[in-house]
Amino acid sequence: MAETPQHRLGELMEQSNPAFEEVLSCVFGIEGHETRTYLVLCDQPGSTIEELASSLERDRSTVNRSLSTLHDRGLVRRNRRLLDGGGYVYQYTAIALPEAKEMLHEALDAWTATVHDVIDEFDGGDD
């Protein structure tokens, strides 16, 4: 089950023309480096932490934390691959961009509905 993102939609409200990466970060409540990790995984499905660390020029522990957050948000899937010499390695794949876009739309629609409810329920009285 995907963790509910701690969105930062207020940040989007302050921008007249946000970049897609900024929308992704704010709606899913992820950091810029996590957004970059997701986008690299879109181009390099099935990557290991080691491969991503090299591509992103980040240390393995940072990439591992990014992947953990992305996995919690439902943006990345993890599969275990057995190694020939024994043991295993995890491979990570980003969910398809159209699926991520649909998740973005759903999150924004839910937030918008909540704001509309607040507006509609306001009666102007002094409680």
N, C-alpha and C. Protein backbone atom coordinates (compact mmCIF):
# COMPACT_ATOMS: atom_id res chain seq x y z
N MET A 1 0.85 -1.19 0.00
CA MET A 1 0.00 0.00 0.00
C MET A 1 0.89 1.24 0.00
N ALA A 2 0.63 2.14 -0.90
CA ALA A 2 1.43 3.35 -1.02
C ALA A 2 1.16 4.28 0.16
N GLU A 3 2.22 4.86 0.65
CA GLU A 3 2.11 5.83 1.75
C GLU A 3 1.46 7.11 1.21
N THR A 4 0.62 7.72 2.03
CA THR A 4 0.00 8.98 1.63
C THR A 4 1.06 10.07 1.62
N PRO A 5 1.24 10.72 0.48
CA PRO A 5 2.28 11.74 0.42
C PRO A 5 1.93 12.96 1.26
N GLN A 6 2.96 13.55 1.82
CA GLN A 6 2.79 14.80 2.55
C GLN A 6 3.02 15.91 1.54
N HIS A 7 1.99 16.19 0.76
CA HIS A 7 2.15 17.13 -0.34
C HIS A 7 2.51 18.53 0.13
N ARG A 8 3.06 19.27 -0.80
CA ARG A 8 3.43 20.66 -0.57
C ARG A 8 2.75 21.51 -1.63
N LEU A 9 1.43 21.36 -1.74
CA LEU A 9 0.69 22.04 -2.80
C LEU A 9 0.74 23.56 -2.65
N GLY A 10 0.92 24.04 -1.44
CA GLY A 10 1.04 25.48 -1.24
C GLY A 10 2.19 26.07 -2.04
N GLU A 11 3.27 25.30 -2.16
CA GLU A 11 4.40 25.77 -2.96
C GLU A 11 4.01 25.95 -4.42
N LEU A 12 3.15 25.07 -4.92
CA LEU A 12 2.72 25.19 -6.31
C LEU A 12 1.86 26.42 -6.52
N MET A 13 1.08 26.78 -5.49
CA MET A 13 0.20 27.93 -5.61
C MET A 13 0.99 29.23 -5.81
N GLU A 14 2.25 29.22 -5.37
CA GLU A 14 3.08 30.42 -5.47
C GLU A 14 3.76 30.55 -6.82
N GLN A 15 3.60 29.55 -7.69
CA GLN A 15 4.28 29.56 -8.98
C GLN A 15 3.26 29.65 -10.11
N SER A 16 3.49 30.54 -11.05
CA SER A 16 2.54 30.70 -12.14
C SER A 16 2.71 29.63 -13.21
N ASN A 17 3.92 29.11 -13.36
CA ASN A 17 4.16 28.12 -14.41
C ASN A 17 5.21 27.11 -13.93
N PRO A 18 4.84 26.24 -12.98
CA PRO A 18 5.84 25.31 -12.42
C PRO A 18 6.28 24.26 -13.44
N ALA A 19 7.51 23.82 -13.33
CA ALA A 19 8.03 22.74 -14.15
C ALA A 19 7.40 21.42 -13.68
N PHE A 20 7.35 20.44 -14.59
CA PHE A 20 6.78 19.14 -14.24
C PHE A 20 7.47 18.54 -13.01
N GLU A 21 8.80 18.68 -12.96
CA GLU A 21 9.56 18.13 -11.83
C GLU A 21 9.11 18.75 -10.51
N GLU A 22 8.81 20.05 -10.54
CA GLU A 22 8.35 20.74 -9.33
C GLU A 22 6.96 20.25 -8.93
N VAL A 23 6.10 20.04 -9.91
CA VAL A 23 4.76 19.51 -9.63
C VAL A 23 4.88 18.13 -9.00
N LEU A 24 5.72 17.27 -9.59
CA LEU A 24 5.92 15.93 -9.07
C LEU A 24 6.41 15.98 -7.62
N SER A 25 7.40 16.83 -7.36
CA SER A 25 7.95 16.95 -6.01
C SER A 25 6.91 17.42 -5.01
N CYS A 26 6.18 18.46 -5.37
CA CYS A 26 5.21 19.05 -4.44
C CYS A 26 4.01 18.14 -4.19
N VAL A 27 3.46 17.56 -5.24
CA VAL A 27 2.26 16.73 -5.07
C VAL A 27 2.57 15.46 -4.28
N PHE A 28 3.71 14.83 -4.56
CA PHE A 28 4.06 13.59 -3.86
C PHE A 28 4.85 13.84 -2.59
N GLY A 29 5.18 15.09 -2.29
CA GLY A 29 5.92 15.39 -1.07
C GLY A 29 7.30 14.77 -1.06
N ILE A 30 7.97 14.82 -2.22
CA ILE A 30 9.31 14.26 -2.33
C ILE A 30 10.30 15.38 -2.64
N GLU A 31 11.55 15.10 -2.39
CA GLU A 31 12.61 16.09 -2.61
C GLU A 31 13.06 16.06 -4.07
N GLY A 32 13.77 17.10 -4.46
CA GLY A 32 14.26 17.19 -5.82
C GLY A 32 15.12 16.01 -6.25
N HIS A 33 15.99 15.54 -5.35
CA HIS A 33 16.85 14.41 -5.71
C HIS A 33 16.03 13.13 -5.87
N GLU A 34 14.91 13.02 -5.15
CA GLU A 34 14.04 11.85 -5.32
C GLU A 34 13.31 11.93 -6.66
N THR A 35 12.93 13.12 -7.05
CA THR A 35 12.30 13.32 -8.36
C THR A 35 13.29 12.95 -9.46
N ARG A 36 14.54 13.39 -9.33
CA ARG A 36 15.55 13.04 -10.33
C ARG A 36 15.76 11.53 -10.39
N THR A 37 15.75 10.87 -9.23
CA THR A 37 15.90 9.41 -9.20
C THR A 37 14.76 8.75 -9.96
N TYR A 38 13.53 9.21 -9.74
CA TYR A 38 12.38 8.66 -10.46
C TYR A 38 12.56 8.84 -11.97
N LEU A 39 12.94 10.04 -12.40
CA LEU A 39 13.07 10.32 -13.83
C LEU A 39 14.19 9.50 -14.47
N VAL A 40 15.30 9.30 -13.75
CA VAL A 40 16.38 8.44 -14.27
C VAL A 40 15.87 7.01 -14.40
N LEU A 41 15.10 6.56 -13.42
CA LEU A 41 14.56 5.19 -13.48
C LEU A 41 13.58 5.03 -14.65
N CYS A 42 12.90 6.10 -15.04
CA CYS A 42 12.02 6.02 -16.21
C CYS A 42 12.83 5.65 -17.44
N ASP A 43 14.07 6.16 -17.52
CA ASP A 43 14.94 5.89 -18.65
C ASP A 43 15.79 4.63 -18.48
N GLN A 44 15.93 4.17 -17.22
CA GLN A 44 16.79 3.03 -16.95
C GLN A 44 16.08 2.00 -16.07
N PRO A 45 14.98 1.41 -16.57
CA PRO A 45 14.24 0.44 -15.75
C PRO A 45 15.10 -0.76 -15.39
N GLY A 46 14.84 -1.30 -14.22
CA GLY A 46 15.57 -2.47 -13.75
C GLY A 46 16.93 -2.16 -13.18
N SER A 47 17.17 -0.91 -12.81
CA SER A 47 18.47 -0.51 -12.27
C SER A 47 18.64 -0.96 -10.83
N THR A 48 19.88 -1.21 -10.47
CA THR A 48 20.23 -1.51 -9.08
C THR A 48 20.63 -0.20 -8.40
N ILE A 49 20.77 -0.25 -7.08
CA ILE A 49 21.23 0.93 -6.34
C ILE A 49 22.59 1.37 -6.85
N GLU A 50 23.47 0.41 -7.07
CA GLU A 50 24.82 0.72 -7.57
C GLU A 50 24.77 1.44 -8.91
N GLU A 51 23.95 0.95 -9.83
CA GLU A 51 23.83 1.57 -11.15
C GLU A 51 23.25 2.99 -11.05
N LEU A 52 22.23 3.14 -10.20
CA LEU A 52 21.64 4.46 -10.03
C LEU A 52 22.60 5.43 -9.38
N ALA A 53 23.34 4.96 -8.39
CA ALA A 53 24.32 5.83 -7.72
C ALA A 53 25.33 6.35 -8.74
N SER A 54 25.73 5.50 -9.66
CA SER A 54 26.67 5.91 -10.70
C SER A 54 26.02 6.91 -11.66
N SER A 55 24.81 6.62 -12.11
CA SER A 55 24.10 7.51 -13.05
C SER A 55 23.81 8.87 -12.44
N LEU A 56 23.43 8.87 -11.17
CA LEU A 56 23.05 10.10 -10.49
C LEU A 56 24.23 10.83 -9.85
N GLU A 57 25.39 10.15 -9.82
CA GLU A 57 26.57 10.69 -9.15
C GLU A 57 26.26 11.03 -7.70
N ARG A 58 25.61 10.08 -7.03
CA ARG A 58 25.25 10.20 -5.61
C ARG A 58 25.78 8.96 -4.89
N ASP A 59 25.89 9.06 -3.57
CA ASP A 59 26.34 7.88 -2.83
C ASP A 59 25.18 6.89 -2.69
N ARG A 60 25.55 5.64 -2.49
CA ARG A 60 24.56 4.55 -2.43
C ARG A 60 23.53 4.77 -1.33
N SER A 61 23.94 5.26 -0.17
CA SER A 61 22.99 5.44 0.93
C SER A 61 21.93 6.48 0.58
N THR A 62 22.33 7.55 -0.11
CA THR A 62 21.37 8.58 -0.52
C THR A 62 20.39 8.01 -1.54
N VAL A 63 20.90 7.26 -2.50
CA VAL A 63 20.05 6.64 -3.51
C VAL A 63 19.11 5.63 -2.85
N ASN A 64 19.62 4.87 -1.91
CA ASN A 64 18.79 3.90 -1.21
C ASN A 64 17.63 4.58 -0.48
N ARG A 65 17.90 5.70 0.20
CA ARG A 65 16.84 6.45 0.89
C ARG A 65 15.83 7.00 -0.12
N SER A 66 16.33 7.52 -1.24
CA SER A 66 15.43 8.04 -2.28
C SER A 66 14.51 6.94 -2.80
N LEU A 67 15.08 5.77 -3.06
CA LEU A 67 14.29 4.65 -3.57
C LEU A 67 13.26 4.18 -2.55
N SER A 68 13.64 4.20 -1.28
CA SER A 68 12.71 3.82 -0.23
C SER A 68 11.50 4.77 -0.21
N THR A 69 11.76 6.06 -0.29
CA THR A 69 10.68 7.06 -0.31
C THR A 69 9.81 6.87 -1.56
N LEU A 70 10.44 6.72 -2.71
CA LEU A 70 9.70 6.54 -3.96
C LEU A 70 8.86 5.27 -3.93
N HIS A 71 9.40 4.22 -3.33
CA HIS A 71 8.67 2.96 -3.19
C HIS A 71 7.46 3.16 -2.28
N ASP A 72 7.66 3.88 -1.18
CA ASP A 72 6.55 4.17 -0.25
C ASP A 72 5.45 4.96 -0.92
N ARG A 73 5.81 5.85 -1.84
CA ARG A 73 4.84 6.69 -2.53
C ARG A 73 4.17 5.96 -3.70
N GLY A 74 4.63 4.76 -3.99
CA GLY A 74 4.04 4.00 -5.09
C GLY A 74 4.58 4.38 -6.46
N LEU A 75 5.69 5.10 -6.50
CA LEU A 75 6.26 5.55 -7.77
C LEU A 75 7.30 4.59 -8.33
N VAL A 76 7.78 3.67 -7.50
CA VAL A 76 8.84 2.74 -7.90
C VAL A 76 8.47 1.34 -7.44
N ARG A 77 8.75 0.38 -8.30
CA ARG A 77 8.56 -1.03 -7.94
C ARG A 77 9.94 -1.67 -7.78
N ARG A 78 10.00 -2.63 -6.85
CA ARG A 78 11.27 -3.29 -6.55
C ARG A 78 11.11 -4.79 -6.78
N ASN A 79 12.08 -5.37 -7.49
CA ASN A 79 12.10 -6.82 -7.73
C ASN A 79 13.44 -7.37 -7.30
N ARG A 80 13.40 -8.57 -6.76
CA ARG A 80 14.63 -9.22 -6.32
C ARG A 80 15.13 -10.13 -7.43
N ARG A 81 16.41 -9.98 -7.80
CA ARG A 81 17.03 -10.83 -8.81
C ARG A 81 18.10 -11.67 -8.15
N LEU A 82 18.01 -12.97 -8.34
CA LEU A 82 19.01 -13.88 -7.78
C LEU A 82 20.29 -13.77 -8.58
N LEU A 83 21.41 -13.78 -7.89
CA LEU A 83 22.71 -13.71 -8.53
C LEU A 83 23.25 -15.11 -8.77
N ASP A 84 24.03 -15.27 -9.84
CA ASP A 84 24.58 -16.58 -10.20
C ASP A 84 25.43 -17.18 -9.08
N GLY A 85 26.22 -16.35 -8.40
CA GLY A 85 27.10 -16.84 -7.35
C GLY A 85 26.42 -16.97 -6.00
N GLY A 86 25.10 -16.80 -5.96
CA GLY A 86 24.36 -16.83 -4.70
C GLY A 86 24.02 -15.42 -4.26
N GLY A 87 23.05 -15.31 -3.43
CA GLY A 87 22.59 -14.01 -2.97
C GLY A 87 21.64 -13.38 -3.98
N TYR A 88 21.35 -12.12 -3.76
CA TYR A 88 20.41 -11.42 -4.64
C TYR A 88 20.70 -9.93 -4.63
N VAL A 89 20.11 -9.25 -5.58
CA VAL A 89 20.21 -7.80 -5.67
C VAL A 89 18.80 -7.29 -6.03
N TYR A 90 18.46 -6.13 -5.52
CA TYR A 90 17.18 -5.53 -5.88
C TYR A 90 17.34 -4.69 -7.14
N GLN A 91 16.36 -4.81 -8.01
CA GLN A 91 16.29 -3.98 -9.20
C GLN A 91 15.05 -3.10 -9.07
N TYR A 92 15.17 -1.85 -9.47
CA TYR A 92 14.09 -0.89 -9.31
C TYR A 92 13.62 -0.40 -10.68
N THR A 93 12.31 -0.24 -10.79
CA THR A 93 11.70 0.26 -12.01
C THR A 93 10.66 1.30 -11.63
N ALA A 94 10.70 2.43 -12.31
CA ALA A 94 9.70 3.48 -12.09
C ALA A 94 8.37 3.03 -12.68
N ILE A 95 7.27 3.42 -12.04
CA ILE A 95 5.99 3.19 -12.67
C ILE A 95 5.96 4.03 -13.94
N ALA A 96 5.18 3.60 -14.91
CA ALA A 96 5.13 4.31 -16.19
C ALA A 96 4.67 5.74 -15.99
N LEU A 97 5.22 6.64 -16.76
CA LEU A 97 4.89 8.05 -16.64
C LEU A 97 3.38 8.32 -16.74
N PRO A 98 2.66 7.67 -17.67
CA PRO A 98 1.20 7.90 -17.70
C PRO A 98 0.51 7.53 -16.38
N GLU A 99 0.99 6.47 -15.72
CA GLU A 99 0.43 6.08 -14.42
C GLU A 99 0.75 7.12 -13.36
N ALA A 100 1.98 7.64 -13.37
CA ALA A 100 2.36 8.70 -12.42
C ALA A 100 1.53 9.95 -12.66
N LYS A 101 1.30 10.28 -13.94
CA LYS A 101 0.48 11.45 -14.26
C LYS A 101 -0.94 11.26 -13.75
N GLU A 102 -1.47 10.06 -13.89
CA GLU A 102 -2.82 9.78 -13.39
C GLU A 102 -2.87 9.95 -11.87
N MET A 103 -1.83 9.48 -11.18
CA MET A 103 -1.76 9.65 -9.73
C MET A 103 -1.70 11.13 -9.37
N LEU A 104 -0.96 11.92 -10.15
CA LEU A 104 -0.89 13.36 -9.92
C LEU A 104 -2.26 14.00 -10.07
N HIS A 105 -2.95 13.64 -11.16
CA HIS A 105 -4.30 14.18 -11.39
C HIS A 105 -5.24 13.82 -10.24
N GLU A 106 -5.20 12.56 -9.80
CA GLU A 106 -6.07 12.12 -8.71
C GLU A 106 -5.78 12.89 -7.42
N ALA A 107 -4.50 13.07 -7.12
CA ALA A 107 -4.13 13.79 -5.90
C ALA A 107 -4.59 15.24 -5.97
N LEU A 108 -4.40 15.87 -7.11
CA LEU A 108 -4.82 17.27 -7.26
C LEU A 108 -6.34 17.39 -7.24
N ASP A 109 -7.04 16.43 -7.86
CA ASP A 109 -8.50 16.45 -7.84
C ASP A 109 -9.03 16.31 -6.41
N ALA A 110 -8.42 15.41 -5.63
CA ALA A 110 -8.85 15.22 -4.24
C ALA A 110 -8.61 16.49 -3.43
N TRP A 111 -7.45 17.12 -3.63
CA TRP A 111 -7.14 18.35 -2.91
C TRP A 111 -8.11 19.46 -3.31
N THR A 112 -8.37 19.58 -4.61
CA THR A 112 -9.29 20.60 -5.10
C THR A 112 -10.69 20.39 -4.53
N ALA A 113 -11.14 19.15 -4.48
CA ALA A 113 -12.46 18.85 -3.93
C ALA A 113 -12.54 19.27 -2.46
N THR A 114 -11.48 19.03 -1.72
CA THR A 114 -11.44 19.42 -0.31
C THR A 114 -11.54 20.93 -0.17
N VAL A 115 -10.81 21.66 -1.01
CA VAL A 115 -10.85 23.13 -0.96
C VAL A 115 -12.24 23.63 -1.34
N HIS A 116 -12.85 23.01 -2.36
CA HIS A 116 -14.21 23.40 -2.74
C HIS A 116 -15.19 23.17 -1.59
N ASP A 117 -15.03 22.06 -0.88
CA ASP A 117 -15.90 21.78 0.27
C ASP A 117 -15.74 22.85 1.35
N VAL A 118 -14.51 23.26 1.61
CA VAL A 118 -14.27 24.31 2.61
C VAL A 118 -14.97 25.60 2.19
N ILE A 119 -14.85 25.93 0.92
CA ILE A 119 -15.50 27.14 0.41
C ILE A 119 -17.02 27.03 0.55
N ASP A 120 -17.57 25.90 0.11
CA ASP A 120 -19.02 25.71 0.12
C ASP A 120 -19.59 25.69 1.54
N GLU A 121 -18.83 25.18 2.51
CA GLU A 121 -19.32 25.04 3.86
C GLU A 121 -19.17 26.31 4.69
N PHE A 122 -18.41 27.26 4.18
CA PHE A 122 -18.18 28.49 4.92
C PHE A 122 -19.47 29.31 4.89
N ASP A 123 -19.93 29.72 6.08
CA ASP A 123 -21.18 30.50 6.14
C ASP A 123 -20.96 31.95 6.56
N GLY A 124 -19.70 32.31 6.85
CA GLY A 124 -19.41 33.68 7.19
C GLY A 124 -19.76 34.08 8.61
N GLY A 125 -20.29 33.14 9.38
CA GLY A 125 -20.65 33.44 10.77
C GLY A 125 -19.45 33.51 11.66
N ASP A 126 -19.58 34.26 12.75
CA ASP A 126 -18.51 34.30 13.75
C ASP A 126 -18.80 33.22 14.78
N ASP A 127 -17.99 32.17 14.75
CA ASP A 127 -18.23 31.05 15.66
C ASP A 127 -17.90 31.39 17.07
